[in-house]
PDB file of N, CA and C in Angstrom:
ATOM      1  N   UNK A   1      -4.682   2.519  34.608  1.00  0.00           N
ATOM      2  CA  UNK A   1      -5.802   2.369  35.393  1.00  0.00           C
ATOM      3  C   UNK A   1      -6.912   3.458  35.145  1.00  0.00           C
ATOM      4  N   UNK A   2      -6.364   4.634  34.906  1.00  0.00           N
ATOM      5  CA  UNK A   2      -7.343   5.692  34.660  1.00  0.00           C
ATOM      6  C   UNK A   2      -8.080   5.413  33.369  1.00  0.00           C
ATOM      7  N   UNK A   3      -7.403   5.010  32.321  1.00  0.00           N
ATOM      8  CA  UNK A   3      -7.997   4.787  31.008  1.00  0.00           C
ATOM      9  C   UNK A   3      -9.141   3.724  31.054  1.00  0.00           C
ATOM     10  N   UNK A   4      -8.992   2.746  31.993  1.00  0.00           N
ATOM     11  CA  UNK A   4      -9.934   1.673  32.056  1.00  0.00           C
ATOM     12  C   UNK A   4     -10.827   1.875  33.351  1.00  0.00           C
ATOM     13  N   UNK A   5     -10.633   2.990  33.967  1.00  0.00           N
ATOM     14  CA  UNK A   5     -11.454   3.355  35.126  1.00  0.00           C
ATOM     15  C   UNK A   5     -11.404   2.258  36.164  1.00  0.00           C
ATOM     16  N   UNK A   6     -10.226   1.885  36.532  1.00  0.00           N
ATOM     17  CA  UNK A   6      -9.923   0.778  37.457  1.00  0.00           C
ATOM     18  C   UNK A   6      -9.416   1.299  38.724  1.00  0.00           C
ATOM     19  N   UNK A   7      -9.903   0.731  39.861  1.00  0.00           N
ATOM     20  CA  UNK A   7      -9.269   1.133  41.109  1.00  0.00           C
ATOM     21  C   UNK A   7      -8.195   0.047  41.521  1.00  0.00           C
ATOM     22  N   UNK A   8      -7.538   0.262  42.549  1.00  0.00           N
ATOM     23  CA  UNK A   8      -6.423  -0.650  42.962  1.00  0.00           C
ATOM     24  C   UNK A   8      -6.872  -2.060  43.052  1.00  0.00           C
ATOM     25  N   UNK A   9      -8.044  -2.265  43.754  1.00  0.00           N
ATOM     26  CA  UNK A   9      -8.599  -3.562  43.951  1.00  0.00           C
ATOM     27  C   UNK A   9      -9.050  -4.320  42.627  1.00  0.00           C
ATOM     28  N   UNK A  10      -9.570  -3.501  41.687  1.00  0.00           N
ATOM     29  CA  UNK A  10      -9.928  -4.077  40.445  1.00  0.00           C
ATOM     30  C   UNK A  10      -8.746  -4.480  39.635  1.00  0.00           C
ATOM     31  N   UNK A  11      -7.735  -3.676  39.596  1.00  0.00           N
ATOM     32  CA  UNK A  11      -6.408  -4.023  38.905  1.00  0.00           C
ATOM     33  C   UNK A  11      -5.814  -5.252  39.538  1.00  0.00           C
ATOM     34  N   UNK A  12      -5.802  -5.270  40.877  1.00  0.00           N
ATOM     35  CA  UNK A  12      -5.248  -6.442  41.601  1.00  0.00           C
ATOM     36  C   UNK A  12      -5.986  -7.742  41.214  1.00  0.00           C
ATOM     37  N   UNK A  13      -7.207  -7.650  41.087  1.00  0.00           N
ATOM     38  CA  UNK A  13      -7.978  -8.857  40.694  1.00  0.00           C
ATOM     39  C   UNK A  13      -7.653  -9.304  39.272  1.00  0.00           C
ATOM     40  N   UNK A  14      -7.489  -8.413  38.375  1.00  0.00           N
ATOM     41  CA  UNK A  14      -7.147  -8.678  36.986  1.00  0.00           C
ATOM     42  C   UNK A  14      -5.881  -9.356  36.886  1.00  0.00           C
ATOM     43  N   UNK A  15      -4.860  -8.855  37.649  1.00  0.00           N
ATOM     44  CA  UNK A  15      -3.448  -9.322  37.495  1.00  0.00           C
ATOM     45  C   UNK A  15      -3.147 -10.499  38.543  1.00  0.00           C
ATOM     46  N   UNK A  16      -4.168 -10.861  39.322  1.00  0.00           N
ATOM     47  CA  UNK A  16      -4.001 -11.844  40.333  1.00  0.00           C
ATOM     48  C   UNK A  16      -2.936 -11.562  41.384  1.00  0.00           C
ATOM     49  N   UNK A  17      -3.003 -10.370  41.938  1.00  0.00           N
ATOM     50  CA  UNK A  17      -2.129  -9.919  42.972  1.00  0.00           C
ATOM     51  C   UNK A  17      -2.998  -9.253  44.039  1.00  0.00           C
ATOM     52  N   UNK A  18      -2.431  -9.018  45.245  1.00  0.00           N
ATOM     53  CA  UNK A  18      -3.191  -8.397  46.312  1.00  0.00           C
ATOM     54  C   UNK A  18      -3.302  -6.915  46.060  1.00  0.00           C
ATOM     55  N   UNK A  19      -4.362  -6.217  46.566  1.00  0.00           N
ATOM     56  CA  UNK A  19      -4.333  -4.796  46.448  1.00  0.00           C
ATOM     57  C   UNK A  19      -3.218  -4.109  47.137  1.00  0.00           C
ATOM     58  N   UNK A  20      -2.664  -4.650  48.216  1.00  0.00           N
ATOM     59  CA  UNK A  20      -1.562  -3.985  48.879  1.00  0.00           C
ATOM     60  C   UNK A  20      -0.260  -4.120  47.953  1.00  0.00           C
ATOM     61  N   UNK A  21      -0.140  -5.176  47.237  1.00  0.00           N
ATOM     62  CA  UNK A  21       0.971  -5.293  46.318  1.00  0.00           C
ATOM     63  C   UNK A  21       0.920  -4.284  45.289  1.00  0.00           C
ATOM     64  N   UNK A  22      -0.338  -4.084  44.711  1.00  0.00           N
ATOM     65  CA  UNK A  22      -0.568  -3.046  43.672  1.00  0.00           C
ATOM     66  C   UNK A  22      -0.265  -1.710  44.259  1.00  0.00           C
ATOM     67  N   UNK A  23      -0.679  -1.419  45.420  1.00  0.00           N
ATOM     68  CA  UNK A  23      -0.429  -0.062  46.056  1.00  0.00           C
ATOM     69  C   UNK A  23       1.061   0.173  46.197  1.00  0.00           C
ATOM     70  N   UNK A  24       1.787  -0.908  46.557  1.00  0.00           N
ATOM     71  CA  UNK A  24       3.270  -0.786  46.669  1.00  0.00           C
ATOM     72  C   UNK A  24       3.914  -0.571  45.291  1.00  0.00           C
ATOM     73  N   UNK A  25       3.358  -1.205  44.224  1.00  0.00           N
ATOM     74  CA  UNK A  25       3.869  -0.958  42.923  1.00  0.00           C
ATOM     75  C   UNK A  25       3.631   0.440  42.472  1.00  0.00           C
ATOM     76  N   UNK A  26       2.342   0.947  42.792  1.00  0.00           N
ATOM     77  CA  UNK A  26       2.007   2.286  42.413  1.00  0.00           C
ATOM     78  C   UNK A  26       2.842   3.334  43.109  1.00  0.00           C
ATOM     79  N   UNK A  27       3.267   3.045  44.326  1.00  0.00           N
ATOM     80  CA  UNK A  27       4.118   4.012  45.089  1.00  0.00           C
ATOM     81  C   UNK A  27       5.571   3.845  44.696  1.00  0.00           C
ATOM     82  N   UNK A  28       5.953   2.868  43.924  1.00  0.00           N
ATOM     83  CA  UNK A  28       7.303   2.648  43.522  1.00  0.00           C
ATOM     84  C   UNK A  28       8.105   1.819  44.416  1.00  0.00           C
ATOM     85  N   UNK A  29       7.548   1.238  45.502  1.00  0.00           N
ATOM     86  CA  UNK A  29       8.227   0.464  46.442  1.00  0.00           C
ATOM     87  C   UNK A  29       8.512  -0.946  45.959  1.00  0.00           C
ATOM     88  N   UNK A  30       7.637  -1.458  45.000  1.00  0.00           N
ATOM     89  CA  UNK A  30       7.873  -2.763  44.478  1.00  0.00           C
ATOM     90  C   UNK A  30       7.622  -2.683  42.940  1.00  0.00           C
ATOM     91  N   UNK A  31       7.993  -3.755  42.291  1.00  0.00           N
ATOM     92  CA  UNK A  31       7.772  -3.903  40.847  1.00  0.00           C
ATOM     93  C   UNK A  31       6.751  -4.993  40.580  1.00  0.00           C
ATOM     94  N   UNK A  32       6.038  -4.809  39.406  1.00  0.00           N
ATOM     95  CA  UNK A  32       5.138  -5.884  38.987  1.00  0.00           C
ATOM     96  C   UNK A  32       5.897  -7.192  38.627  1.00  0.00           C
ATOM     97  N   UNK A  33       5.243  -8.282  38.861  1.00  0.00           N
ATOM     98  CA  UNK A  33       5.860  -9.535  38.303  1.00  0.00           C
ATOM     99  C   UNK A  33       5.709  -9.561  36.811  1.00  0.00           C
ATOM    100  N   UNK A  34       6.535 -10.322  36.195  1.00  0.00           N
ATOM    101  CA  UNK A  34       6.516 -10.386  34.745  1.00  0.00           C
ATOM    102  C   UNK A  34       5.183 -11.030  34.343  1.00  0.00           C
ATOM    103  N   UNK A  35       4.616 -11.895  35.085  1.00  0.00           N
ATOM    104  CA  UNK A  35       3.287 -12.538  34.702  1.00  0.00           C
ATOM    105  C   UNK A  35       2.180 -11.375  34.831  1.00  0.00           C
ATOM    106  N   UNK A  36       2.276 -10.475  35.803  1.00  0.00           N
ATOM    107  CA  UNK A  36       1.341  -9.459  35.941  1.00  0.00           C
ATOM    108  C   UNK A  36       1.397  -8.474  34.772  1.00  0.00           C
ATOM    109  N   UNK A  37       2.581  -8.179  34.339  1.00  0.00           N
ATOM    110  CA  UNK A  37       2.777  -7.313  33.175  1.00  0.00           C
ATOM    111  C   UNK A  37       2.146  -8.005  31.918  1.00  0.00           C
ATOM    112  N   UNK A  38       2.430  -9.297  31.815  1.00  0.00           N
ATOM    113  CA  UNK A  38       1.866  -9.981  30.645  1.00  0.00           C
ATOM    114  C   UNK A  38       0.343  -9.939  30.606  1.00  0.00           C
ATOM    115  N   UNK A  39      -0.191 -10.065  31.834  1.00  0.00           N
ATOM    116  CA  UNK A  39      -1.686 -10.080  31.977  1.00  0.00           C
ATOM    117  C   UNK A  39      -2.183  -8.649  31.529  1.00  0.00           C
ATOM    118  N   UNK A  40      -1.547  -7.587  31.980  1.00  0.00           N
ATOM    119  CA  UNK A  40      -1.935  -6.212  31.651  1.00  0.00           C
ATOM    120  C   UNK A  40      -1.861  -6.076  30.089  1.00  0.00           C
ATOM    121  N   UNK A  41      -0.838  -6.552  29.521  1.00  0.00           N
ATOM    122  CA  UNK A  41      -0.751  -6.508  28.018  1.00  0.00           C
ATOM    123  C   UNK A  41      -1.833  -7.175  27.349  1.00  0.00           C
ATOM    124  N   UNK A  42      -2.048  -8.438  27.833  1.00  0.00           N
ATOM    125  CA  UNK A  42      -3.030  -9.257  27.155  1.00  0.00           C
ATOM    126  C   UNK A  42      -4.500  -8.820  27.448  1.00  0.00           C
ATOM    127  N   UNK A  43      -4.818  -8.682  28.694  1.00  0.00           N
ATOM    128  CA  UNK A  43      -6.133  -8.444  29.132  1.00  0.00           C
ATOM    129  C   UNK A  43      -6.676  -6.994  28.860  1.00  0.00           C
ATOM    130  N   UNK A  44      -5.721  -6.010  28.917  1.00  0.00           N
ATOM    131  CA  UNK A  44      -6.144  -4.680  28.660  1.00  0.00           C
ATOM    132  C   UNK A  44      -5.743  -4.227  27.276  1.00  0.00           C
ATOM    133  N   UNK A  45      -5.000  -5.057  26.575  1.00  0.00           N
ATOM    134  CA  UNK A  45      -4.537  -4.687  25.252  1.00  0.00           C
ATOM    135  C   UNK A  45      -3.583  -3.627  25.077  1.00  0.00           C
ATOM    136  N   UNK A  46      -2.776  -3.350  26.204  1.00  0.00           N
ATOM    137  CA  UNK A  46      -1.847  -2.297  26.178  1.00  0.00           C
ATOM    138  C   UNK A  46      -0.582  -2.703  25.361  1.00  0.00           C
ATOM    139  N   UNK A  47      -0.199  -1.678  24.537  1.00  0.00           N
ATOM    140  CA  UNK A  47       1.096  -1.904  23.740  1.00  0.00           C
ATOM    141  C   UNK A  47       2.276  -1.896  24.609  1.00  0.00           C
ATOM    142  N   UNK A  48       3.125  -2.928  24.573  1.00  0.00           N
ATOM    143  CA  UNK A  48       4.217  -3.198  25.505  1.00  0.00           C
ATOM    144  C   UNK A  48       5.145  -1.904  25.492  1.00  0.00           C
ATOM    145  N   UNK A  49       5.531  -1.428  24.300  1.00  0.00           N
ATOM    146  CA  UNK A  49       6.469  -0.330  24.186  1.00  0.00           C
ATOM    147  C   UNK A  49       5.954   0.917  24.875  1.00  0.00           C
ATOM    148  N   UNK A  50       4.648   1.130  24.917  1.00  0.00           N
ATOM    149  CA  UNK A  50       4.072   2.232  25.648  1.00  0.00           C
ATOM    150  C   UNK A  50       4.113   1.994  27.086  1.00  0.00           C
ATOM    151  N   UNK A  51       3.830   0.792  27.541  1.00  0.00           N
ATOM    152  CA  UNK A  51       3.820   0.372  28.923  1.00  0.00           C
ATOM    153  C   UNK A  51       5.159   0.587  29.548  1.00  0.00           C
ATOM    154  N   UNK A  52       6.251   0.255  28.821  1.00  0.00           N
ATOM    155  CA  UNK A  52       7.635   0.434  29.294  1.00  0.00           C
ATOM    156  C   UNK A  52       8.229   1.820  29.019  1.00  0.00           C
ATOM    157  N   UNK A  53       7.494   2.736  28.449  1.00  0.00           N
ATOM    158  CA  UNK A  53       7.874   4.082  28.211  1.00  0.00           C
ATOM    159  C   UNK A  53       8.862   4.317  26.996  1.00  0.00           C
ATOM    160  N   UNK A  54       8.824   3.396  26.056  1.00  0.00           N
ATOM    161  CA  UNK A  54       9.639   3.441  24.839  1.00  0.00           C
ATOM    162  C   UNK A  54       8.978   4.204  23.727  1.00  0.00           C
ATOM    163  N   UNK A  55       7.611   4.292  23.682  1.00  0.00           N
ATOM    164  CA  UNK A  55       6.885   4.945  22.577  1.00  0.00           C
ATOM    165  C   UNK A  55       5.674   5.663  23.133  1.00  0.00           C
ATOM    166  N   UNK A  56       5.287   6.815  22.490  1.00  0.00           N
ATOM    167  CA  UNK A  56       4.030   7.414  22.849  1.00  0.00           C
ATOM    168  C   UNK A  56       4.132   8.364  23.965  1.00  0.00           C
ATOM    169  N   UNK A  57       3.066   9.062  24.216  1.00  0.00           N
ATOM    170  CA  UNK A  57       2.972  10.056  25.262  1.00  0.00           C
ATOM    171  C   UNK A  57       2.454   9.344  26.536  1.00  0.00           C
ATOM    172  N   UNK A  58       2.965   9.680  27.760  1.00  0.00           N
ATOM    173  CA  UNK A  58       2.541   9.007  28.894  1.00  0.00           C
ATOM    174  C   UNK A  58       1.060   9.111  29.244  1.00  0.00           C
ATOM    175  N   UNK A  59       0.463  10.274  28.858  1.00  0.00           N
ATOM    176  CA  UNK A  59      -0.919  10.505  29.154  1.00  0.00           C
ATOM    177  C   UNK A  59      -1.900   9.927  28.085  1.00  0.00           C
ATOM    178  N   UNK A  60      -1.385   9.359  27.043  1.00  0.00           N
ATOM    179  CA  UNK A  60      -2.195   8.693  26.075  1.00  0.00           C
ATOM    180  C   UNK A  60      -1.885   7.301  25.890  1.00  0.00           C
ATOM    181  N   UNK A  61      -2.795   6.404  26.358  1.00  0.00           N
ATOM    182  CA  UNK A  61      -2.482   4.984  26.366  1.00  0.00           C
ATOM    183  C   UNK A  61      -2.477   4.415  24.860  1.00  0.00           C
ATOM    184  N   UNK A  62      -1.473   3.671  24.558  1.00  0.00           N
ATOM    185  CA  UNK A  62      -1.329   3.055  23.263  1.00  0.00           C
ATOM    186  C   UNK A  62      -1.851   1.628  23.352  1.00  0.00           C
ATOM    187  N   UNK A  63      -2.866   1.218  22.507  1.00  0.00           N
ATOM    188  CA  UNK A  63      -3.353  -0.129  22.527  1.00  0.00           C
ATOM    189  C   UNK A  63      -2.912  -0.915  21.321  1.00  0.00           C
ATOM    190  N   UNK A  64      -2.750  -2.208  21.543  1.00  0.00           N
ATOM    191  CA  UNK A  64      -2.387  -3.095  20.439  1.00  0.00           C
ATOM    192  C   UNK A  64      -3.313  -3.032  19.217  1.00  0.00           C
ATOM    193  N   UNK A  65      -4.608  -2.884  19.511  1.00  0.00           N
ATOM    194  CA  UNK A  65      -5.649  -2.828  18.477  1.00  0.00           C
ATOM    195  C   UNK A  65      -5.442  -1.589  17.582  1.00  0.00           C
ATOM    196  N   UNK A  66      -4.762  -0.629  18.095  1.00  0.00           N
ATOM    197  CA  UNK A  66      -4.622   0.676  17.317  1.00  0.00           C
ATOM    198  C   UNK A  66      -3.408   0.684  16.433  1.00  0.00           C
ATOM    199  N   UNK A  67      -2.542  -0.360  16.578  1.00  0.00           N
ATOM    200  CA  UNK A  67      -1.307  -0.446  15.744  1.00  0.00           C
ATOM    201  C   UNK A  67      -1.699  -0.869  14.355  1.00  0.00           C
ATOM    202  N   UNK A  68      -0.858  -0.509  13.489  1.00  0.00           N
ATOM    203  CA  UNK A  68      -1.017  -0.882  12.037  1.00  0.00           C
ATOM    204  C   UNK A  68       0.082  -1.985  11.733  1.00  0.00           C
ATOM    205  N   UNK A  69      -0.354  -3.063  11.140  1.00  0.00           N
ATOM    206  CA  UNK A  69       0.567  -4.139  10.811  1.00  0.00           C
ATOM    207  C   UNK A  69       1.571  -3.699   9.851  1.00  0.00           C
ATOM    208  N   UNK A  70       2.756  -4.217   9.904  1.00  0.00           N
ATOM    209  CA  UNK A  70       3.883  -3.890   9.002  1.00  0.00           C
ATOM    210  C   UNK A  70       3.490  -3.920   7.485  1.00  0.00           C
ATOM    211  N   UNK A  71       2.688  -4.995   7.140  1.00  0.00           N
ATOM    212  CA  UNK A  71       2.300  -5.179   5.781  1.00  0.00           C
ATOM    213  C   UNK A  71       1.361  -4.043   5.315  1.00  0.00           C
ATOM    214  N   UNK A  72       0.588  -3.541   6.202  1.00  0.00           N
ATOM    215  CA  UNK A  72      -0.419  -2.444   5.878  1.00  0.00           C
ATOM    216  C   UNK A  72       0.470  -1.120   5.593  1.00  0.00           C
ATOM    217  N   UNK A  73       1.459  -0.971   6.526  1.00  0.00           N
ATOM    218  CA  UNK A  73       2.300   0.223   6.316  1.00  0.00           C
ATOM    219  C   UNK A  73       3.091   0.150   4.978  1.00  0.00           C
ATOM    220  N   UNK A  74       3.595  -1.042   4.574  1.00  0.00           N
ATOM    221  CA  UNK A  74       4.325  -1.103   3.395  1.00  0.00           C
ATOM    222  C   UNK A  74       3.422  -0.875   2.190  1.00  0.00           C
ATOM    223  N   UNK A  75       2.128  -1.388   2.252  1.00  0.00           N
ATOM    224  CA  UNK A  75       1.171  -1.138   1.169  1.00  0.00           C
ATOM    225  C   UNK A  75       0.879   0.394   1.052  1.00  0.00           C
ATOM    226  N   UNK A  76       0.758   1.018   2.185  1.00  0.00           N
ATOM    227  CA  UNK A  76       0.537   2.486   2.115  1.00  0.00           C
ATOM    228  C   UNK A  76       1.679   3.233   1.586  1.00  0.00           C
ATOM    229  N   UNK A  77       2.888   2.828   1.970  1.00  0.00           N
ATOM    230  CA  UNK A  77       4.102   3.559   1.501  1.00  0.00           C
ATOM    231  C   UNK A  77       4.213   3.294  -0.020  1.00  0.00           C
ATOM    232  N   UNK A  78       3.904   2.141  -0.486  1.00  0.00           N
ATOM    233  CA  UNK A  78       3.975   1.805  -1.919  1.00  0.00           C
ATOM    234  C   UNK A  78       2.991   2.768  -2.754  1.00  0.00           C
ATOM    235  N   UNK A  79       1.795   2.860  -2.108  1.00  0.00           N
ATOM    236  CA  UNK A  79       0.768   3.685  -2.762  1.00  0.00           C
ATOM    237  C   UNK A  79       1.254   5.176  -2.779  1.00  0.00           C
ATOM    238  N   UNK A  80       1.884   5.608  -1.684  1.00  0.00           N
ATOM    239  CA  UNK A  80       2.394   7.017  -1.612  1.00  0.00           C
ATOM    240  C   UNK A  80       3.403   7.203  -2.716  1.00  0.00           C
ATOM    241  N   UNK A  81       4.321   6.190  -2.864  1.00  0.00           N
ATOM    242  CA  UNK A  81       5.359   6.307  -3.972  1.00  0.00           C
ATOM    243  C   UNK A  81       4.758   6.337  -5.340  1.00  0.00           C
ATOM    244  N   UNK A  82       3.655   5.547  -5.580  1.00  0.00           N
ATOM    245  CA  UNK A  82       2.940   5.584  -6.858  1.00  0.00           C
ATOM    246  C   UNK A  82       2.375   6.957  -7.126  1.00  0.00           C
ATOM    247  N   UNK A  83       1.659   7.525  -6.092  1.00  0.00           N
ATOM    248  CA  UNK A  83       1.116   8.808  -6.204  1.00  0.00           C
ATOM    249  C   UNK A  83       2.158   9.952  -6.441  1.00  0.00           C
ATOM    250  N   UNK A  84       3.277   9.846  -5.801  1.00  0.00           N
ATOM    251  CA  UNK A  84       4.358  10.769  -5.964  1.00  0.00           C
ATOM    252  C   UNK A  84       4.861  10.694  -7.472  1.00  0.00           C
ATOM    253  N   UNK A  85       5.026   9.543  -7.985  1.00  0.00           N
ATOM    254  CA  UNK A  85       5.469   9.289  -9.376  1.00  0.00           C
ATOM    255  C   UNK A  85       4.434   9.873 -10.287  1.00  0.00           C
ATOM    256  N   UNK A  86       3.123   9.658 -10.038  1.00  0.00           N
ATOM    257  CA  UNK A  86       2.020  10.086 -10.931  1.00  0.00           C
ATOM    258  C   UNK A  86       2.022  11.583 -10.868  1.00  0.00           C
ATOM    259  N   UNK A  87       2.196  12.201  -9.694  1.00  0.00           N
ATOM    260  CA  UNK A  87       2.209  13.667  -9.593  1.00  0.00           C
ATOM    261  C   UNK A  87       3.432  14.276 -10.308  1.00  0.00           C
ATOM    262  N   UNK A  88       4.607  13.581 -10.240  1.00  0.00           N
ATOM    263  CA  UNK A  88       5.701  13.975 -10.996  1.00  0.00           C
ATOM    264  C   UNK A  88       5.439  14.051 -12.539  1.00  0.00           C
ATOM    265  N   UNK A  89       4.745  13.056 -13.020  1.00  0.00           N
ATOM    266  CA  UNK A  89       4.442  13.008 -14.420  1.00  0.00           C
ATOM    267  C   UNK A  89       3.550  14.100 -14.831  1.00  0.00           C
ATOM    268  N   UNK A  90       2.523  14.393 -13.969  1.00  0.00           N
ATOM    269  CA  UNK A  90       1.561  15.539 -14.265  1.00  0.00           C
ATOM    270  C   UNK A  90       2.359  16.792 -14.268  1.00  0.00           C
ATOM    271  N   UNK A  91       3.273  17.059 -13.408  1.00  0.00           N
ATOM    272  CA  UNK A  91       4.016  18.207 -13.386  1.00  0.00           C
ATOM    273  C   UNK A  91       4.882  18.330 -14.689  1.00  0.00           C
ATOM    274  N   UNK A  92       5.457  17.249 -15.077  1.00  0.00           N
ATOM    275  CA  UNK A  92       6.274  17.280 -16.396  1.00  0.00           C
ATOM    276  C   UNK A  92       5.393  17.572 -17.584  1.00  0.00           C
ATOM    277  N   UNK A  93       4.162  17.087 -17.614  1.00  0.00           N
ATOM    278  CA  UNK A  93       3.251  17.389 -18.705  1.00  0.00           C
ATOM    279  C   UNK A  93       2.811  18.809 -18.604  1.00  0.00           C
ATOM    280  N   UNK A  94       2.583  19.378 -17.480  1.00  0.00           N
ATOM    281  CA  UNK A  94       2.194  20.781 -17.418  1.00  0.00           C
ATOM    282  C   UNK A  94       3.356  21.696 -17.823  1.00  0.00           C
ATOM    283  N   UNK A  95       4.589  21.297 -17.457  1.00  0.00           N
ATOM    284  CA  UNK A  95       5.731  22.050 -17.827  1.00  0.00           C
ATOM    285  C   UNK A  95       5.867  22.105 -19.353  1.00  0.00           C
ATOM    286  N   UNK A  96       5.708  20.908 -19.971  1.00  0.00           N
ATOM    287  CA  UNK A  96       5.761  20.734 -21.495  1.00  0.00           C
ATOM    288  C   UNK A  96       4.724  21.671 -22.140  1.00  0.00           C
ATOM    289  N   UNK A  97       3.529  21.583 -21.614  1.00  0.00           N
ATOM    290  CA  UNK A  97       2.467  22.347 -22.183  1.00  0.00           C
ATOM    291  C   UNK A  97       2.731  23.844 -22.045  1.00  0.00           C
ATOM    292  N   UNK A  98       3.238  24.287 -21.021  1.00  0.00           N
ATOM    293  CA  UNK A  98       3.607  25.731 -20.866  1.00  0.00           C
ATOM    294  C   UNK A  98       4.684  26.151 -21.811  1.00  0.00           C
ATOM    295  N   UNK A  99       5.748  25.285 -21.955  1.00  0.00           N
ATOM    296  CA  UNK A  99       6.719  25.603 -22.928  1.00  0.00           C
ATOM    297  C   UNK A  99       6.220  25.661 -24.425  1.00  0.00           C
ATOM    298  N   UNK A 100       5.243  24.790 -24.685  1.00  0.00           N
ATOM    299  CA  UNK A 100       4.652  24.751 -26.013  1.00  0.00           C
ATOM    300  C   UNK A 100       3.839  26.086 -26.247  1.00  0.00           C
ATOM    301  N   UNK A 101       3.364  26.733 -25.293  1.00  0.00           N
ATOM    302  CA  UNK A 101       2.473  27.954 -25.527  1.00  0.00           C
ATOM    303  C   UNK A 101       3.360  29.068 -25.809  1.00  0.00           C
TER     304      UNK A 101
END
């Protein structure tokens, strides 16, 4: 709510619940419905693992748009391996040059 500058009434409107229900959820007396959680994830773009406390810092909202797709991670990891191999070859060449001197 803080990250999106929403008050209780505005969040209630987004998730199609009453403001009193949202107040009870915020106080810990009730839980959100699964459909309300789904709406929060979809409408606000919140990353589900952050929402449920499995990833990230509580004070820093994780958004779906900020996540990197697995294919992109794999491409970057492959590039890192290539660069490490290339760096290893450069070190070998430098070592050979030093031995030759």
